[in-house]
Amino acid sequence: MKVQHLLFSQVALAQDLPEYNLKQGNVATIVEHYPMLEGEEDGYSLEGFDLPHVTIEVPASQIIPIAQWQQEEMILAKLCSYLERGCCNYKTISIFSCKNKSLSIRVGSNFETFFK
């Protein structure tokens, strides 16, 4: 089942769009929806990136609801704070990056990136 975002709702970019100099988390408003056939990804037109008179088109996978983005940011901030205070065993968990809103941790010999 496809997730359909409502017209004029605010969304955040799920990934960087370097061709527009936009970053993951930048907020915009949906101004048009382009429904596609089942099995194909819907598209959206976005405006409001502090770029006057600019509209960009993106596939549905490149945007998330603003409430979801804010929740992920809050979880990431709490996790970073917890790890940076030393509330865990740094022999098994090492934090690599919390400053750029991407969290990479090493647990034992495993390496994973969250919220990238």
C-alpha atoms as a PDB file:
ATOM      1  CA  MET A   1       0.000   0.000   0.000  1.00  0.00           C
ATOM      2  CA  LYS A   2       1.328   3.414  -0.975  1.00  0.00           C
ATOM      3  CA  VAL A   3       1.660   6.197   1.568  1.00  0.00           C
ATOM      4  CA  GLN A   4       0.064   9.360   0.208  1.00  0.00           C
ATOM      5  CA  HIS A   5       1.048  12.719   1.643  1.00  0.00           C
ATOM      6  CA  LEU A   6      -1.626  15.416   1.779  1.00  0.00           C
ATOM      7  CA  LEU A   7      -1.412  18.508  -0.398  1.00  0.00           C
ATOM      8  CA  PHE A   8      -0.051  21.542   1.443  1.00  0.00           C
ATOM      9  CA  SER A   9       1.370  19.419   4.260  1.00  0.00           C
ATOM     10  CA  GLN A  10       4.930  19.989   5.425  1.00  0.00           C
ATOM     11  CA  VAL A  11       7.509  17.301   4.806  1.00  0.00           C
ATOM     12  CA  ALA A  12      11.235  16.898   5.373  1.00  0.00           C
ATOM     13  CA  LEU A  13      13.750  15.604   2.877  1.00  0.00           C
ATOM     14  CA  ALA A  14      14.796  12.046   3.678  1.00  0.00           C
ATOM     15  CA  GLN A  15      18.126  12.530   1.883  1.00  0.00           C
ATOM     16  CA  ASP A  16      20.375  15.236   0.481  1.00  0.00           C
ATOM     17  CA  LEU A  17      19.579  16.705  -2.940  1.00  0.00           C
ATOM     18  CA  PRO A  18      22.980  18.141  -3.922  1.00  0.00           C
ATOM     19  CA  GLU A  19      21.753  19.315  -7.330  1.00  0.00           C
ATOM     20  CA  TYR A  20      19.564  21.850  -5.455  1.00  0.00           C
ATOM     21  CA  ASN A  21      22.000  22.396  -2.555  1.00  0.00           C
ATOM     22  CA  LEU A  22      19.377  20.933  -0.180  1.00  0.00           C
ATOM     23  CA  LYS A  23      20.126  18.756   2.830  1.00  0.00           C
ATOM     24  CA  GLN A  24      18.381  15.902   4.577  1.00  0.00           C
ATOM     25  CA  GLY A  25      15.872  17.422   6.997  1.00  0.00           C
ATOM     26  CA  ASN A  26      15.162  20.585   4.988  1.00  0.00           C
ATOM     27  CA  VAL A  27      11.434  21.347   5.229  1.00  0.00           C
ATOM     28  CA  ALA A  28       9.090  22.141   2.355  1.00  0.00           C
ATOM     29  CA  THR A  29       5.385  22.144   1.505  1.00  0.00           C
ATOM     30  CA  ILE A  30       3.758  19.710  -0.913  1.00  0.00           C
ATOM     31  CA  VAL A  31       2.056  21.673  -3.689  1.00  0.00           C
ATOM     32  CA  GLU A  32       1.272  18.858  -6.140  1.00  0.00           C
ATOM     33  CA  HIS A  33       0.876  15.081  -6.120  1.00  0.00           C
ATOM     34  CA  TYR A  34       1.563  12.869  -9.146  1.00  0.00           C
ATOM     35  CA  PRO A  35      -0.107   9.485  -8.582  1.00  0.00           C
ATOM     36  CA  MET A  36       1.409   6.576 -10.466  1.00  0.00           C
ATOM     37  CA  LEU A  37       0.213   3.083 -11.307  1.00  0.00           C
ATOM     38  CA  GLU A  38       0.481   0.342  -8.694  1.00  0.00           C
ATOM     39  CA  GLY A  39       4.095  -0.771  -8.421  1.00  0.00           C
ATOM     40  CA  GLU A  40       5.467   2.652  -9.381  1.00  0.00           C
ATOM     41  CA  GLU A  41       6.479   5.409  -6.991  1.00  0.00           C
ATOM     42  CA  ASP A  42       4.298   8.522  -6.696  1.00  0.00           C
ATOM     43  CA  GLY A  43       5.891  11.926  -7.178  1.00  0.00           C
ATOM     44  CA  TYR A  44       5.462  15.284  -5.442  1.00  0.00           C
ATOM     45  CA  SER A  45       6.213  18.923  -6.170  1.00  0.00           C
ATOM     46  CA  LEU A  46       7.706  20.791  -3.217  1.00  0.00           C
ATOM     47  CA  GLU A  47       8.121  24.496  -2.485  1.00  0.00           C
ATOM     48  CA  GLY A  48       9.388  26.567   0.412  1.00  0.00           C
ATOM     49  CA  PHE A  49      13.055  25.720   0.939  1.00  0.00           C
ATOM     50  CA  ASP A  50      13.806  29.400   1.495  1.00  0.00           C
ATOM     51  CA  LEU A  51      14.239  29.514  -2.272  1.00  0.00           C
ATOM     52  CA  PRO A  52      11.700  31.933  -3.777  1.00  0.00           C
ATOM     53  CA  HIS A  53       9.961  30.809  -6.963  1.00  0.00           C
ATOM     54  CA  VAL A  54      11.588  27.368  -6.901  1.00  0.00           C
ATOM     55  CA  THR A  55       9.578  24.153  -7.185  1.00  0.00           C
ATOM     56  CA  ILE A  56      11.270  20.766  -7.204  1.00  0.00           C
ATOM     57  CA  GLU A  57       9.846  17.355  -8.030  1.00  0.00           C
ATOM     58  CA  VAL A  58      10.797  14.336  -5.943  1.00  0.00           C
ATOM     59  CA  PRO A  59       9.708  10.709  -5.635  1.00  0.00           C
ATOM     60  CA  ALA A  60       7.744   9.766  -2.515  1.00  0.00           C
ATOM     61  CA  SER A  61      10.756   7.910  -1.064  1.00  0.00           C
ATOM     62  CA  GLN A  62      12.682  11.200  -0.728  1.00  0.00           C
ATOM     63  CA  ILE A  63      10.252  12.809   1.733  1.00  0.00           C
ATOM     64  CA  ILE A  64       8.892  12.012   5.189  1.00  0.00           C
ATOM     65  CA  PRO A  65       6.192  13.710   7.262  1.00  0.00           C
ATOM     66  CA  ILE A  66       7.571  16.554   9.369  1.00  0.00           C
ATOM     67  CA  ALA A  67       6.256  14.931  12.575  1.00  0.00           C
ATOM     68  CA  GLN A  68       8.253  11.766  11.805  1.00  0.00           C
ATOM     69  CA  TRP A  69      11.393  13.819  11.119  1.00  0.00           C
ATOM     70  CA  GLN A  70      11.014  15.712  14.389  1.00  0.00           C
ATOM     71  CA  GLN A  71      10.529  12.459  16.306  1.00  0.00           C
ATOM     72  CA  GLU A  72      13.660  10.938  14.748  1.00  0.00           C
ATOM     73  CA  GLU A  73      15.647  14.099  15.586  1.00  0.00           C
ATOM     74  CA  MET A  74      14.470  13.933  19.215  1.00  0.00           C
ATOM     75  CA  ILE A  75      15.411  10.253  19.528  1.00  0.00           C
ATOM     76  CA  LEU A  76      18.814  10.887  17.958  1.00  0.00           C
ATOM     77  CA  ALA A  77      19.506  13.840  20.262  1.00  0.00           C
ATOM     78  CA  LYS A  78      18.629  11.785  23.352  1.00  0.00           C
ATOM     79  CA  LEU A  79      20.732   8.846  22.210  1.00  0.00           C
ATOM     80  CA  CYS A  80      23.720  11.070  21.417  1.00  0.00           C
ATOM     81  CA  SER A  81      23.423  12.789  24.785  1.00  0.00           C
ATOM     82  CA  TYR A  82      23.221   9.453  26.570  1.00  0.00           C
ATOM     83  CA  LEU A  83      26.264   8.049  24.790  1.00  0.00           C
ATOM     84  CA  GLU A  84      28.347  11.243  25.089  1.00  0.00           C
ATOM     85  CA  ARG A  85      27.774  11.315  28.868  1.00  0.00           C
ATOM     86  CA  GLY A  86      29.469   7.942  29.110  1.00  0.00           C
ATOM     87  CA  CYS A  87      26.368   6.061  30.234  1.00  0.00           C
ATOM     88  CA  CYS A  88      27.502   2.950  28.431  1.00  0.00           C
ATOM     89  CA  ASN A  89      30.498   0.700  28.149  1.00  0.00           C
ATOM     90  CA  TYR A  90      32.826   2.332  25.606  1.00  0.00           C
ATOM     91  CA  LYS A  91      34.773  -0.916  25.328  1.00  0.00           C
ATOM     92  CA  THR A  92      31.837  -2.322  23.375  1.00  0.00           C
ATOM     93  CA  ILE A  93      30.122   0.816  22.055  1.00  0.00           C
ATOM     94  CA  SER A  94      31.963   3.658  20.322  1.00  0.00           C
ATOM     95  CA  ILE A  95      30.217   6.707  18.952  1.00  0.00           C
ATOM     96  CA  PHE A  96      31.603   8.088  15.714  1.00  0.00           C
ATOM     97  CA  SER A  97      29.380  11.016  14.808  1.00  0.00           C
ATOM     98  CA  CYS A  98      26.525  12.823  16.517  1.00  0.00           C
ATOM     99  CA  LYS A  99      27.392  16.327  15.408  1.00  0.00           C
ATOM    100  CA  ASN A 100      26.130  16.066  11.833  1.00  0.00           C
ATOM    101  CA  LYS A 101      22.797  14.402  12.677  1.00  0.00           C
ATOM    102  CA  SER A 102      24.073  11.026  11.618  1.00  0.00           C
ATOM    103  CA  LEU A 103      24.853   8.455  14.250  1.00  0.00           C
ATOM    104  CA  SER A 104      27.328   5.698  13.636  1.00  0.00           C
ATOM    105  CA  ILE A 105      28.164   3.287  16.417  1.00  0.00           C
ATOM    106  CA  ARG A 106      30.367   0.253  16.783  1.00  0.00           C
ATOM    107  CA  VAL A 107      29.020  -2.545  18.932  1.00  0.00           C
ATOM    108  CA  GLY A 108      31.667  -5.195  19.355  1.00  0.00           C
ATOM    109  CA  SER A 109      32.785  -5.988  15.821  1.00  0.00           C
ATOM    110  CA  ASN A 110      29.546  -4.818  14.166  1.00  0.00           C
ATOM    111  CA  PHE A 111      29.220  -1.374  12.602  1.00  0.00           C
ATOM    112  CA  GLU A 112      25.885   0.245  11.892  1.00  0.00           C
ATOM    113  CA  THR A 113      24.664   3.734  10.937  1.00  0.00           C
ATOM    114  CA  PHE A 114      21.365   5.050  12.219  1.00  0.00           C
ATOM    115  CA  PHE A 115      19.338   8.089  11.096  1.00  0.00           C
ATOM    116  CA  LYS A 116      21.627   8.735   8.163  1.00  0.00           C
END
